[in-house]
Amino acid sequence: MLQTPAVVAPRSDSKLVKLARQFFAWAIPPMIGLSLMIVVWTLISHQSQGVPGPISTFKAATILFSDPFYINNPNDVGIGWNILNSLQRVATGFGLAALVGIPMGFIIGRYEFMSRMTAPIISLLKPVSPLAWLPIGLLVFKAANPAAIWVIFISAIWPMIINTAVGVSKVPQDYMNVAKVLNLSEWKVVTKILFPYVLPYMMTGVRLSIGVAWLVIVAAEMLTGGVGIGFWVWDEWNNLNVEHIIIAIVIVGVVGLLLEQGLTLLAKRFSYE
């Protein structure tokens, strides 16, 4: 009597195995990198006197974040308030830079006369160190907080201007010829043709600018004082609290990463592709 061969059912766990492999392929390399960094950090702390190790720094971070929003006096507040004050300055300076830089980039990229007129100005001012603008801000505004915002503004504006202008200049001429044939207004040319094409370039400039802004605010606050992550780092250095300085470095890195990733997700959300 012939026996029909048994039908082998596909393994139900094959999909789970595939997902597990994908997860480990995604998670293992960063974990190895972070582990190596901690090992190197531990070795340096054992070799260099005064450099705290990962364990003591973690304990200090636990205490620090147990009450991040305390207020003892105007110059002695929790780490949470310092981060929020720095973010507020960055948001103000970055927002002003976007309001000025993006329209200026469209104008420079759209009109050759404006491009040639502004090219020497941008080439001259763009390489200037951000902190070199701080004395000018203090002289004009007579206060530390607007001077810090001014430094963020003047540092963050250049990537947005340049990337937006490059994007506008690379719009295919065929698109502009169609706009002329259809007799489109300048507003429709900008909103229907230029903006969709330039958006990836513009968002690249925005991402570069937010990184520059967050980088600059730490250095600016070290010099101007007040409440902020930069001033907090300098104050902890004066108190020789190296654990808090390392914690601040990690905070600055994490916040900068979150800002950049947030803008990346925003760019994908409003992509015209």
Protein backbone atom coordinates (compact mmCIF):
# COMPACT_ATOMS: atom_id res chain seq x y z
CA MET A 1 0.00 0.00 0.00
CA LEU A 2 1.41 3.33 -1.08
CA GLN A 3 1.81 5.93 1.61
CA THR A 4 1.40 9.56 0.73
CA PRO A 5 4.40 11.55 1.83
CA ALA A 6 3.76 13.70 4.84
CA VAL A 7 3.51 17.40 4.10
CA VAL A 8 6.09 19.28 6.14
CA ALA A 9 4.52 22.44 7.51
CA PRO A 10 6.70 25.54 7.48
CA ARG A 11 8.23 26.30 10.81
CA SER A 12 6.11 28.79 12.65
CA ASP A 13 9.10 30.29 14.34
CA SER A 14 11.00 31.13 11.13
CA LYS A 15 9.63 34.66 11.12
CA LEU A 16 10.60 35.15 14.74
CA VAL A 17 14.10 33.90 14.01
CA LYS A 18 14.41 36.35 11.13
CA LEU A 19 13.23 39.24 13.31
CA ALA A 20 15.64 38.20 16.05
CA ARG A 21 18.54 38.17 13.60
CA GLN A 22 17.59 41.60 12.31
CA PHE A 23 17.37 42.94 15.84
CA PHE A 24 20.77 41.59 16.83
CA ALA A 25 22.31 42.85 13.59
CA TRP A 26 20.92 46.30 14.45
CA ALA A 27 21.73 46.28 18.19
CA ILE A 28 24.99 44.39 18.56
CA PRO A 29 27.40 46.77 16.71
CA PRO A 30 26.39 49.86 18.75
CA MET A 31 26.57 47.84 21.96
CA ILE A 32 30.08 46.66 21.08
CA GLY A 33 31.11 50.24 20.30
CA LEU A 34 29.74 51.57 23.59
CA SER A 35 31.36 48.71 25.50
CA LEU A 36 34.74 49.49 23.94
CA MET A 37 34.33 53.15 24.84
CA ILE A 38 33.58 52.24 28.47
CA VAL A 39 36.60 49.92 28.58
CA VAL A 40 38.89 52.67 27.24
CA TRP A 41 37.35 55.14 29.67
CA THR A 42 37.98 52.73 32.57
CA LEU A 43 41.60 52.24 31.56
CA ILE A 44 42.17 55.98 31.29
CA SER A 45 40.59 56.57 34.71
CA HIS A 46 42.94 53.98 36.25
CA GLN A 47 46.00 55.48 34.57
CA SER A 48 45.20 59.19 35.05
CA GLN A 49 44.71 60.55 38.52
CA GLY A 50 41.62 62.77 38.83
CA VAL A 51 39.70 61.24 35.91
CA PRO A 52 36.57 59.52 37.33
CA GLY A 53 35.58 56.10 36.09
CA PRO A 54 32.22 54.97 34.68
CA ILE A 55 30.92 53.65 38.02
CA SER A 56 31.53 56.83 40.03
CA THR A 57 30.16 58.94 37.17
CA PHE A 58 27.01 56.81 37.00
CA LYS A 59 26.47 57.22 40.74
CA ALA A 60 26.89 60.98 40.41
CA ALA A 61 24.40 61.02 37.51
CA THR A 62 21.87 59.09 39.60
CA ILE A 63 22.08 61.69 42.34
CA LEU A 64 22.04 64.56 39.85
CA PHE A 65 18.90 63.40 38.03
CA SER A 66 17.06 62.43 41.20
CA ASP A 67 15.99 66.10 41.49
CA PRO A 68 16.73 67.87 38.18
CA PHE A 69 14.40 70.84 38.71
CA TYR A 70 15.34 72.17 42.14
CA ILE A 71 15.85 75.91 42.69
CA ASN A 72 18.02 77.08 45.58
CA ASN A 73 18.76 80.54 44.18
CA PRO A 74 18.84 82.17 40.73
CA ASN A 75 22.37 80.84 40.10
CA ASP A 76 21.90 77.42 41.74
CA VAL A 77 19.27 75.40 39.89
CA GLY A 78 18.91 71.79 38.77
CA ILE A 79 20.36 70.33 35.61
CA GLY A 80 16.89 70.24 34.03
CA TRP A 81 16.57 74.03 34.22
CA ASN A 82 20.04 74.46 32.73
CA ILE A 83 19.15 72.26 29.76
CA LEU A 84 15.83 74.04 29.21
CA ASN A 85 17.45 77.49 29.34
CA SER A 86 20.04 76.44 26.77
CA LEU A 87 17.36 74.95 24.53
CA GLN A 88 15.35 78.17 24.78
CA ARG A 89 18.32 80.23 23.61
CA VAL A 90 19.03 77.77 20.80
CA ALA A 91 15.38 77.79 19.69
CA THR A 92 15.29 81.59 19.59
CA GLY A 93 18.57 82.04 17.72
CA PHE A 94 17.91 79.12 15.38
CA GLY A 95 14.37 80.31 14.64
CA LEU A 96 15.58 83.79 13.76
CA ALA A 97 18.30 82.31 11.56
CA ALA A 98 15.70 80.22 9.71
CA LEU A 99 13.39 83.20 9.21
CA VAL A 100 16.22 85.19 7.64
CA GLY A 101 18.44 82.51 6.10
CA ILE A 102 15.93 80.39 4.17
CA PRO A 103 14.25 83.30 2.28
CA MET A 104 17.68 84.79 1.63
CA GLY A 105 18.83 81.46 0.21
CA PHE A 106 15.85 81.41 -2.16
CA ILE A 107 16.63 84.95 -3.32
CA ILE A 108 20.35 84.27 -3.80
CA GLY A 109 19.70 81.06 -5.71
CA ARG A 110 16.93 82.58 -7.82
CA TYR A 111 18.70 85.72 -9.02
CA GLU A 112 22.25 85.65 -10.34
CA PHE A 113 22.78 89.33 -9.51
CA MET A 114 22.02 88.67 -5.83
CA SER A 115 24.26 85.59 -5.88
CA ARG A 116 27.20 87.55 -7.24
CA MET A 117 26.55 90.46 -4.88
CA THR A 118 26.41 88.36 -1.71
CA ALA A 119 29.15 85.85 -2.60
CA PRO A 120 32.07 87.93 -1.22
CA ILE A 121 30.12 88.80 1.93
CA ILE A 122 29.30 85.16 2.68
CA SER A 123 32.84 84.04 1.83
CA LEU A 124 34.24 86.66 4.19
CA LEU A 125 31.93 86.13 7.18
CA LYS A 126 31.23 82.38 7.08
CA PRO A 127 34.71 81.25 8.25
CA VAL A 128 34.70 83.60 11.25
CA SER A 129 34.74 81.74 14.57
CA PRO A 130 31.34 81.95 16.30
CA LEU A 131 32.83 83.21 19.56
CA ALA A 132 34.47 86.08 17.70
CA TRP A 133 30.94 87.51 17.33
CA LEU A 134 30.28 87.44 21.07
CA PRO A 135 32.01 90.75 21.93
CA ILE A 136 29.99 92.45 19.17
CA GLY A 137 26.80 91.05 20.68
CA LEU A 138 27.75 92.23 24.16
CA LEU A 139 28.60 95.68 22.80
CA VAL A 140 25.33 96.05 20.89
CA PHE A 141 22.85 94.37 23.24
CA LYS A 142 24.49 95.24 26.59
CA ALA A 143 23.34 91.90 28.07
CA ALA A 144 24.61 88.33 28.07
CA ASN A 145 21.40 86.52 27.06
CA PRO A 146 20.70 88.39 23.79
CA ALA A 147 24.43 88.28 23.01
CA ALA A 148 24.36 84.47 23.25
CA ILE A 149 21.28 84.37 21.00
CA TRP A 150 23.07 86.64 18.54
CA VAL A 151 26.04 84.23 18.39
CA ILE A 152 23.67 81.33 17.67
CA PHE A 153 21.92 83.34 14.96
CA ILE A 154 25.08 84.40 13.13
CA SER A 155 26.55 80.89 13.36
CA ALA A 156 23.43 78.97 12.28
CA ILE A 157 22.41 81.17 9.37
CA TRP A 158 25.17 80.23 6.90
CA PRO A 159 24.34 76.53 6.31
CA MET A 160 20.70 77.42 5.66
CA ILE A 161 21.58 80.21 3.23
CA ILE A 162 24.15 78.17 1.30
CA ASN A 163 22.23 74.88 1.08
CA THR A 164 18.97 76.59 0.11
CA ALA A 165 20.72 78.68 -2.55
CA VAL A 166 22.45 75.59 -3.97
CA GLY A 167 19.12 73.76 -4.13
CA VAL A 168 17.44 76.62 -5.97
CA SER A 169 20.32 76.90 -8.44
CA LYS A 170 20.02 73.18 -9.28
CA VAL A 171 16.33 73.29 -10.25
CA PRO A 172 16.18 71.95 -13.84
CA GLN A 173 15.77 74.68 -16.42
CA ASP A 174 12.94 72.72 -18.02
CA TYR A 175 10.84 73.33 -14.92
CA MET A 176 11.41 77.06 -15.19
CA ASN A 177 10.62 77.01 -18.91
CA VAL A 178 7.28 75.35 -18.19
CA ALA A 179 6.58 78.04 -15.58
CA LYS A 180 7.22 80.72 -18.20
CA VAL A 181 4.97 79.00 -20.74
CA LEU A 182 2.17 78.75 -18.17
CA ASN A 183 2.82 82.35 -17.13
CA LEU A 184 2.96 81.41 -13.45
CA SER A 185 3.35 84.11 -10.86
CA GLU A 186 6.52 84.31 -8.80
CA TRP A 187 4.63 83.03 -5.75
CA LYS A 188 3.45 79.93 -7.62
CA VAL A 189 6.94 79.37 -9.01
CA VAL A 190 8.30 79.37 -5.46
CA THR A 191 5.57 77.25 -3.87
CA LYS A 192 4.83 74.80 -6.71
CA ILE A 193 8.26 74.35 -8.32
CA LEU A 194 11.13 75.64 -6.22
CA PHE A 195 10.04 74.63 -2.73
CA PRO A 196 9.32 70.93 -3.46
CA TYR A 197 12.62 70.57 -5.31
CA VAL A 198 14.69 72.54 -2.81
CA LEU A 199 13.23 70.95 0.35
CA PRO A 200 15.90 68.20 0.70
CA TYR A 201 18.69 70.78 0.32
CA MET A 202 16.98 73.14 2.74
CA MET A 203 16.50 70.45 5.38
CA THR A 204 20.16 69.49 5.08
CA GLY A 205 21.05 73.09 5.85
CA VAL A 206 18.62 73.10 8.77
CA ARG A 207 20.15 69.94 10.22
CA LEU A 208 23.66 71.39 9.92
CA SER A 209 22.49 74.62 11.50
CA ILE A 210 20.89 73.01 14.55
CA GLY A 211 24.11 71.10 15.18
CA VAL A 212 26.13 74.29 14.96
CA ALA A 213 23.66 76.15 17.19
CA TRP A 214 23.77 73.52 19.94
CA LEU A 215 27.56 73.37 19.69
CA VAL A 216 27.96 77.13 19.95
CA ILE A 217 25.58 77.69 22.87
CA VAL A 218 27.76 75.64 25.23
CA ALA A 219 30.84 77.72 24.47
CA ALA A 220 28.90 81.00 24.53
CA GLU A 221 27.35 80.25 27.92
CA MET A 222 30.76 79.47 29.36
CA LEU A 223 31.75 83.07 28.62
CA THR A 224 28.49 84.87 29.35
CA GLY A 225 27.38 83.03 32.51
CA GLY A 226 23.82 82.73 33.78
CA VAL A 227 21.72 79.58 33.77
CA GLY A 228 22.56 77.11 31.02
CA ILE A 229 24.43 73.89 30.34
CA GLY A 230 27.58 75.74 29.26
CA PHE A 231 27.74 77.87 32.39
CA TRP A 232 26.97 74.76 34.47
CA VAL A 233 30.00 72.98 32.95
CA TRP A 234 32.24 75.93 33.75
CA ASP A 235 30.86 76.20 37.28
CA GLU A 236 31.47 72.48 37.89
CA TRP A 237 35.03 72.88 36.61
CA ASN A 238 35.61 75.67 39.13
CA ASN A 239 34.33 73.26 41.79
CA LEU A 240 36.60 70.50 40.40
CA ASN A 241 33.57 68.22 40.00
CA VAL A 242 34.82 66.20 37.04
CA GLU A 243 32.00 63.66 37.23
CA HIS A 244 29.47 66.39 36.47
CA ILE A 245 31.58 67.63 33.56
CA ILE A 246 31.54 64.16 31.99
CA ILE A 247 27.80 63.95 32.61
CA ALA A 248 27.37 67.31 30.86
CA ILE A 249 29.35 66.04 27.86
CA VAL A 250 26.99 63.06 27.58
CA ILE A 251 23.94 65.34 27.96
CA VAL A 252 25.17 67.67 25.23
CA GLY A 253 25.76 64.71 22.90
CA VAL A 254 22.37 63.12 23.60
CA VAL A 255 20.43 66.38 23.20
CA GLY A 256 22.28 67.20 19.97
CA LEU A 257 21.51 63.71 18.63
CA LEU A 258 17.82 64.04 19.52
CA LEU A 259 17.58 67.45 17.83
CA GLU A 260 19.16 66.16 14.64
CA GLN A 261 17.05 63.00 14.58
CA GLY A 262 13.91 65.04 15.19
CA LEU A 263 14.68 67.24 12.20
CA THR A 264 15.44 64.15 10.10
CA LEU A 265 12.02 62.68 10.90
CA LEU A 266 10.42 66.04 10.16
CA ALA A 267 12.13 66.16 6.77
CA LYS A 268 10.86 62.69 5.92
CA ARG A 269 7.36 63.61 7.07
CA PHE A 270 7.17 66.57 4.69
CA SER A 271 9.15 65.06 1.86
CA TYR A 272 7.71 65.52 -1.63
CA GLU A 273 9.36 62.37 -2.96
